[in-house]
Structure formats: structure tokens, C-alpha cells
Amino acid sequence: SYMLKQVAPILNDRAAVYCKLLTDGEMTIVFQTEKELKNGNVKEDFNILVEQENGAGLYRGISGGEKARADLVISLVLGDLASFRANKQIPFRFMDEAFEKVDDTGLEAVVTLLEAQKENYETIFVVTHKNELKQHFKDTITVTKQKGISTI
């Protein structure tokens, strides 16, 4: 719990940056380390609070596309935490099917996010089934599968 309390402000700062890029500030994600009980006492409790300004207030009530963006923010934040804990910048970011449930509106924000990520990473690997993203990448590798055999 001590470690979580120490990194929560960093996680929240990074989450704010990614929420701004992916949702134009409509979504907030807060990493909490404590929960206030009804009697006023505080209990250690790690939780990730996702709130959507327009629409449902909590994660369980938001749309699939909004959940995908929230999941992406959380994934990116945890990746940043790994770099922070390693005490060095990891030269690449790997995103495996991170955008599959993101709607068309969200895809525009994803492209903006990927452009921003170029500043921090030498290489960004993206595995996706969304053909509309191909045009945004300089280099692509297409893998096809026929009769159980994958080819490049």
C-alpha cells in the first residue's frame, strides 16, 4: 500500500494526459489508494475510478467504445509506470489489439495519441485488425491466415 500511495499521483497525472488526448477531457480516470467508510474512517483500498462527463458516470455503464478508451488509458499509464520503475525510458511501446473496440470517433483520437507517443518512443508496435489504421503507419507488416497457417 505504501508503494501504491507513492505512485498514485504519477499515475493520476499520466491518466489526465491520456484522457485529454483520447476523450478531449470528457473522461477522467483516478487511481485511488483509500476508501472513506460511512463511519468516516479511511480504509486502504486500491481502486480505479472511471467517470464519463457525458453519459454514464461509472465504468460499468459506459459504452463499449468508451470502455476501450478507458482500458487504453489504464494500459498506457501502467506502461509509463514500468518505465518509471525501470528508471529509464523504454525505447518501444507495444500495443496488441488495443484499439479493436474503439469506435470511429475514438480512432481519430487514437491516431492523435500515437502521434504524441512518437516523441517518447523510438518504435511503436501496433497489432490490429482495423484496416483503417494502416494509412497512419509508415511501415506495416500484414499477416494473413489461411487453413490454419499464418504468412507474412
C-alpha atoms as a PDB file:
ATOM      1  CA  SER A   1       0.000   0.000   0.000  1.00  0.00           C
ATOM      2  CA  TYR A   2       2.951   2.315   0.695  1.00  0.00           C
ATOM      3  CA  MET A   3       4.213   1.907  -2.882  1.00  0.00           C
ATOM      4  CA  LEU A   4       0.771   2.485  -4.350  1.00  0.00           C
ATOM      5  CA  LYS A   5       0.358   5.690  -2.345  1.00  0.00           C
ATOM      6  CA  GLN A   6       3.713   6.905  -3.654  1.00  0.00           C
ATOM      7  CA  VAL A   7       2.943   6.255  -7.318  1.00  0.00           C
ATOM      8  CA  ALA A   8      -0.763   7.196  -7.346  1.00  0.00           C
ATOM      9  CA  PRO A   9      -0.046  10.900  -8.059  1.00  0.00           C
ATOM     10  CA  ILE A  10       2.168   9.894 -11.002  1.00  0.00           C
ATOM     11  CA  LEU A  11      -0.489   7.508 -12.318  1.00  0.00           C
ATOM     12  CA  ASN A  12      -3.146  10.213 -11.995  1.00  0.00           C
ATOM     13  CA  ASP A  13      -1.024  12.801 -13.791  1.00  0.00           C
ATOM     14  CA  ARG A  14      -0.386  10.414 -16.703  1.00  0.00           C
ATOM     15  CA  ALA A  15      -4.056   9.374 -16.795  1.00  0.00           C
ATOM     16  CA  ALA A  16      -5.074  13.037 -17.084  1.00  0.00           C
ATOM     17  CA  VAL A  17      -2.756  13.495 -20.078  1.00  0.00           C
ATOM     18  CA  TYR A  18      -4.067  10.410 -21.881  1.00  0.00           C
ATOM     19  CA  CYS A  19      -7.711  11.194 -21.061  1.00  0.00           C
ATOM     20  CA  LYS A  20      -7.243  14.646 -22.560  1.00  0.00           C
ATOM     21  CA  LEU A  21      -5.809  13.140 -25.758  1.00  0.00           C
ATOM     22  CA  LEU A  22      -8.296  10.281 -26.109  1.00  0.00           C
ATOM     23  CA  THR A  23     -11.515  11.846 -24.834  1.00  0.00           C
ATOM     24  CA  ASP A  24     -10.880  15.586 -25.031  1.00  0.00           C
ATOM     25  CA  GLY A  25     -11.261  15.694 -21.255  1.00  0.00           C
ATOM     26  CA  GLU A  26     -14.750  14.119 -21.171  1.00  0.00           C
ATOM     27  CA  MET A  27     -13.432  11.120 -19.235  1.00  0.00           C
ATOM     28  CA  THR A  28     -11.444  11.131 -16.028  1.00  0.00           C
ATOM     29  CA  ILE A  29      -9.582   8.204 -14.556  1.00  0.00           C
ATOM     30  CA  VAL A  30      -8.334   8.351 -10.996  1.00  0.00           C
ATOM     31  CA  PHE A  31      -6.194   5.765  -9.236  1.00  0.00           C
ATOM     32  CA  GLN A  32      -7.304   5.703  -5.613  1.00  0.00           C
ATOM     33  CA  THR A  33      -5.495   4.034  -2.715  1.00  0.00           C
ATOM     34  CA  GLU A  34      -8.019   4.681   0.043  1.00  0.00           C
ATOM     35  CA  LYS A  35     -11.745   4.479   0.534  1.00  0.00           C
ATOM     36  CA  GLU A  36     -13.716   6.526   3.029  1.00  0.00           C
ATOM     37  CA  LEU A  37     -16.138   4.391   5.016  1.00  0.00           C
ATOM     38  CA  LYS A  38     -19.608   5.503   6.077  1.00  0.00           C
ATOM     39  CA  ASN A  39     -18.402   5.962   9.652  1.00  0.00           C
ATOM     40  CA  GLY A  40     -15.755   8.451   8.463  1.00  0.00           C
ATOM     41  CA  ASN A  41     -12.779   6.101   8.832  1.00  0.00           C
ATOM     42  CA  VAL A  42     -10.404   5.504   5.955  1.00  0.00           C
ATOM     43  CA  LYS A  43      -9.554   2.039   4.673  1.00  0.00           C
ATOM     44  CA  GLU A  44      -6.742   1.075   2.306  1.00  0.00           C
ATOM     45  CA  ASP A  45      -8.395   0.054  -0.935  1.00  0.00           C
ATOM     46  CA  PHE A  46      -6.869   0.286  -4.406  1.00  0.00           C
ATOM     47  CA  ASN A  47      -9.444   1.252  -6.994  1.00  0.00           C
ATOM     48  CA  ILE A  48      -9.508   2.784 -10.454  1.00  0.00           C
ATOM     49  CA  LEU A  49     -12.345   5.260 -10.790  1.00  0.00           C
ATOM     50  CA  VAL A  50     -13.548   5.942 -14.336  1.00  0.00           C
ATOM     51  CA  GLU A  51     -16.020   8.780 -14.827  1.00  0.00           C
ATOM     52  CA  GLN A  52     -17.561   9.932 -18.081  1.00  0.00           C
ATOM     53  CA  GLU A  53     -18.804  13.538 -18.220  1.00  0.00           C
ATOM     54  CA  ASN A  54     -21.475  12.972 -20.888  1.00  0.00           C
ATOM     55  CA  GLY A  55     -23.335   9.744 -20.332  1.00  0.00           C
ATOM     56  CA  ALA A  56     -22.997   7.145 -17.634  1.00  0.00           C
ATOM     57  CA  GLY A  57     -20.923   8.186 -14.663  1.00  0.00           C
ATOM     58  CA  LEU A  58     -19.205   4.867 -13.967  1.00  0.00           C
ATOM     59  CA  TYR A  59     -17.217   2.327 -15.984  1.00  0.00           C
ATOM     60  CA  ARG A  60     -19.891  -0.358 -15.879  1.00  0.00           C
ATOM     61  CA  GLY A  61     -22.394   1.997 -17.508  1.00  0.00           C
ATOM     62  CA  ILE A  62     -20.324   3.451 -20.350  1.00  0.00           C
ATOM     63  CA  SER A  63     -20.386   2.221 -23.945  1.00  0.00           C
ATOM     64  CA  GLY A  64     -18.022  -0.375 -25.366  1.00  0.00           C
ATOM     65  CA  GLY A  65     -16.045   2.295 -27.228  1.00  0.00           C
ATOM     66  CA  GLU A  66     -15.695   4.378 -24.077  1.00  0.00           C
ATOM     67  CA  LYS A  67     -14.602   1.290 -22.117  1.00  0.00           C
ATOM     68  CA  ALA A  68     -11.996   0.606 -24.788  1.00  0.00           C
ATOM     69  CA  ARG A  69     -10.623   4.138 -24.401  1.00  0.00           C
ATOM     70  CA  ALA A  70     -10.600   3.819 -20.599  1.00  0.00           C
ATOM     71  CA  ASP A  71      -8.793   0.477 -20.867  1.00  0.00           C
ATOM     72  CA  LEU A  72      -6.278   2.026 -23.241  1.00  0.00           C
ATOM     73  CA  VAL A  73      -5.607   4.914 -20.855  1.00  0.00           C
ATOM     74  CA  ILE A  74      -5.051   2.487 -17.977  1.00  0.00           C
ATOM     75  CA  SER A  75      -2.754   0.335 -20.111  1.00  0.00           C
ATOM     76  CA  LEU A  76      -0.676   3.327 -21.203  1.00  0.00           C
ATOM     77  CA  VAL A  77      -0.420   4.619 -17.639  1.00  0.00           C
ATOM     78  CA  LEU A  78       0.808   1.243 -16.391  1.00  0.00           C
ATOM     79  CA  GLY A  79       3.334   1.139 -19.235  1.00  0.00           C
ATOM     80  CA  ASP A  80       4.588   4.546 -18.150  1.00  0.00           C
ATOM     81  CA  LEU A  81       4.851   3.247 -14.589  1.00  0.00           C
ATOM     82  CA  ALA A  82       7.038   0.380 -15.835  1.00  0.00           C
ATOM     83  CA  SER A  83       9.389   2.901 -17.470  1.00  0.00           C
ATOM     84  CA  PHE A  84       9.419   4.999 -14.331  1.00  0.00           C
ATOM     85  CA  ARG A  85      10.201   1.992 -12.138  1.00  0.00           C
ATOM     86  CA  ALA A  86      12.967   0.869 -14.507  1.00  0.00           C
ATOM     87  CA  ASN A  87      14.439   4.355 -14.080  1.00  0.00           C
ATOM     88  CA  LYS A  88      14.893   4.671 -17.831  1.00  0.00           C
ATOM     89  CA  GLN A  89      12.823   5.246 -20.911  1.00  0.00           C
ATOM     90  CA  ILE A  90      11.835   2.012 -22.606  1.00  0.00           C
ATOM     91  CA  PRO A  91      12.589   2.600 -26.321  1.00  0.00           C
ATOM     92  CA  PHE A  92       9.428   0.972 -27.646  1.00  0.00           C
ATOM     93  CA  ARG A  93       5.743   0.643 -26.897  1.00  0.00           C
ATOM     94  CA  PHE A  94       3.829  -2.477 -27.854  1.00  0.00           C
ATOM     95  CA  MET A  95       0.045  -2.322 -28.299  1.00  0.00           C
ATOM     96  CA  ASP A  96      -1.636  -5.632 -29.064  1.00  0.00           C
ATOM     97  CA  GLU A  97      -5.203  -5.175 -30.323  1.00  0.00           C
ATOM     98  CA  ALA A  98      -5.620  -2.163 -28.047  1.00  0.00           C
ATOM     99  CA  PHE A  99      -7.967  -0.386 -30.465  1.00  0.00           C
ATOM    100  CA  GLU A 100     -10.294  -3.171 -31.581  1.00  0.00           C
ATOM    101  CA  LYS A 101     -13.347  -1.940 -29.638  1.00  0.00           C
ATOM    102  CA  VAL A 102     -12.713   1.767 -30.172  1.00  0.00           C
ATOM    103  CA  ASP A 103     -15.419   3.410 -32.289  1.00  0.00           C
ATOM    104  CA  ASP A 104     -14.723   5.602 -35.346  1.00  0.00           C
ATOM    105  CA  THR A 105     -14.746   8.802 -33.291  1.00  0.00           C
ATOM    106  CA  GLY A 106     -12.284   7.231 -30.890  1.00  0.00           C
ATOM    107  CA  LEU A 107      -9.991   6.132 -33.727  1.00  0.00           C
ATOM    108  CA  GLU A 108      -9.278   9.755 -34.604  1.00  0.00           C
ATOM    109  CA  ALA A 109      -8.207  10.305 -31.001  1.00  0.00           C
ATOM    110  CA  VAL A 110      -6.082   7.137 -31.122  1.00  0.00           C
ATOM    111  CA  VAL A 111      -4.203   8.492 -34.138  1.00  0.00           C
ATOM    112  CA  THR A 112      -3.575  11.734 -32.235  1.00  0.00           C
ATOM    113  CA  LEU A 113      -2.350   9.707 -29.267  1.00  0.00           C
ATOM    114  CA  LEU A 114       0.006   7.636 -31.433  1.00  0.00           C
ATOM    115  CA  GLU A 115       1.429  10.817 -32.946  1.00  0.00           C
ATOM    116  CA  ALA A 116       2.113  12.129 -29.428  1.00  0.00           C
ATOM    117  CA  GLN A 117       3.720   8.816 -28.441  1.00  0.00           C
ATOM    118  CA  LYS A 118       6.311   9.226 -31.227  1.00  0.00           C
ATOM    119  CA  GLU A 119       8.039  11.836 -29.075  1.00  0.00           C
ATOM    120  CA  ASN A 120       8.749   9.294 -26.327  1.00  0.00           C
ATOM    121  CA  TYR A 121       9.368   6.040 -28.191  1.00  0.00           C
ATOM    122  CA  GLU A 122      11.722   5.055 -30.986  1.00  0.00           C
ATOM    123  CA  THR A 123       9.305   2.394 -32.191  1.00  0.00           C
ATOM    124  CA  ILE A 124       5.628   1.756 -31.586  1.00  0.00           C
ATOM    125  CA  PHE A 125       4.378  -1.712 -32.464  1.00  0.00           C
ATOM    126  CA  VAL A 126       0.644  -1.936 -33.097  1.00  0.00           C
ATOM    127  CA  VAL A 127      -1.150  -5.214 -33.703  1.00  0.00           C
ATOM    128  CA  THR A 128      -4.626  -4.542 -35.074  1.00  0.00           C
ATOM    129  CA  HIS A 129      -7.355  -5.929 -37.281  1.00  0.00           C
ATOM    130  CA  LYS A 130      -8.563  -2.420 -38.135  1.00  0.00           C
ATOM    131  CA  ASN A 131      -7.506  -1.830 -41.737  1.00  0.00           C
ATOM    132  CA  GLU A 132      -8.395   1.877 -41.479  1.00  0.00           C
ATOM    133  CA  LEU A 133      -5.381   2.384 -39.198  1.00  0.00           C
ATOM    134  CA  LYS A 134      -2.864   1.157 -41.810  1.00  0.00           C
ATOM    135  CA  GLN A 135      -2.781   4.505 -43.595  1.00  0.00           C
ATOM    136  CA  HIS A 136      -1.378   6.144 -40.451  1.00  0.00           C
ATOM    137  CA  PHE A 137       1.744   3.977 -40.298  1.00  0.00           C
ATOM    138  CA  LYS A 138       4.893   4.353 -42.345  1.00  0.00           C
ATOM    139  CA  ASP A 139       5.825   0.679 -42.077  1.00  0.00           C
ATOM    140  CA  THR A 140       3.367  -2.199 -41.883  1.00  0.00           C
ATOM    141  CA  ILE A 141       3.573  -5.969 -41.818  1.00  0.00           C
ATOM    142  CA  THR A 142       0.452  -7.808 -42.891  1.00  0.00           C
ATOM    143  CA  VAL A 143      -0.100 -11.302 -41.584  1.00  0.00           C
ATOM    144  CA  THR A 144      -2.728 -13.477 -43.231  1.00  0.00           C
ATOM    145  CA  LYS A 145      -4.030 -16.824 -42.091  1.00  0.00           C
ATOM    146  CA  GLN A 146      -5.302 -19.487 -44.442  1.00  0.00           C
ATOM    147  CA  LYS A 147      -6.122 -23.064 -43.465  1.00  0.00           C
ATOM    148  CA  GLY A 148      -4.514 -22.545 -40.080  1.00  0.00           C
ATOM    149  CA  ILE A 149      -1.198 -21.265 -41.471  1.00  0.00           C
ATOM    150  CA  SER A 150      -0.076 -17.676 -40.926  1.00  0.00           C
ATOM    151  CA  THR A 151       2.077 -15.977 -43.552  1.00  0.00           C
ATOM    152  CA  ILE A 152       3.642 -12.526 -43.837  1.00  0.00           C
END
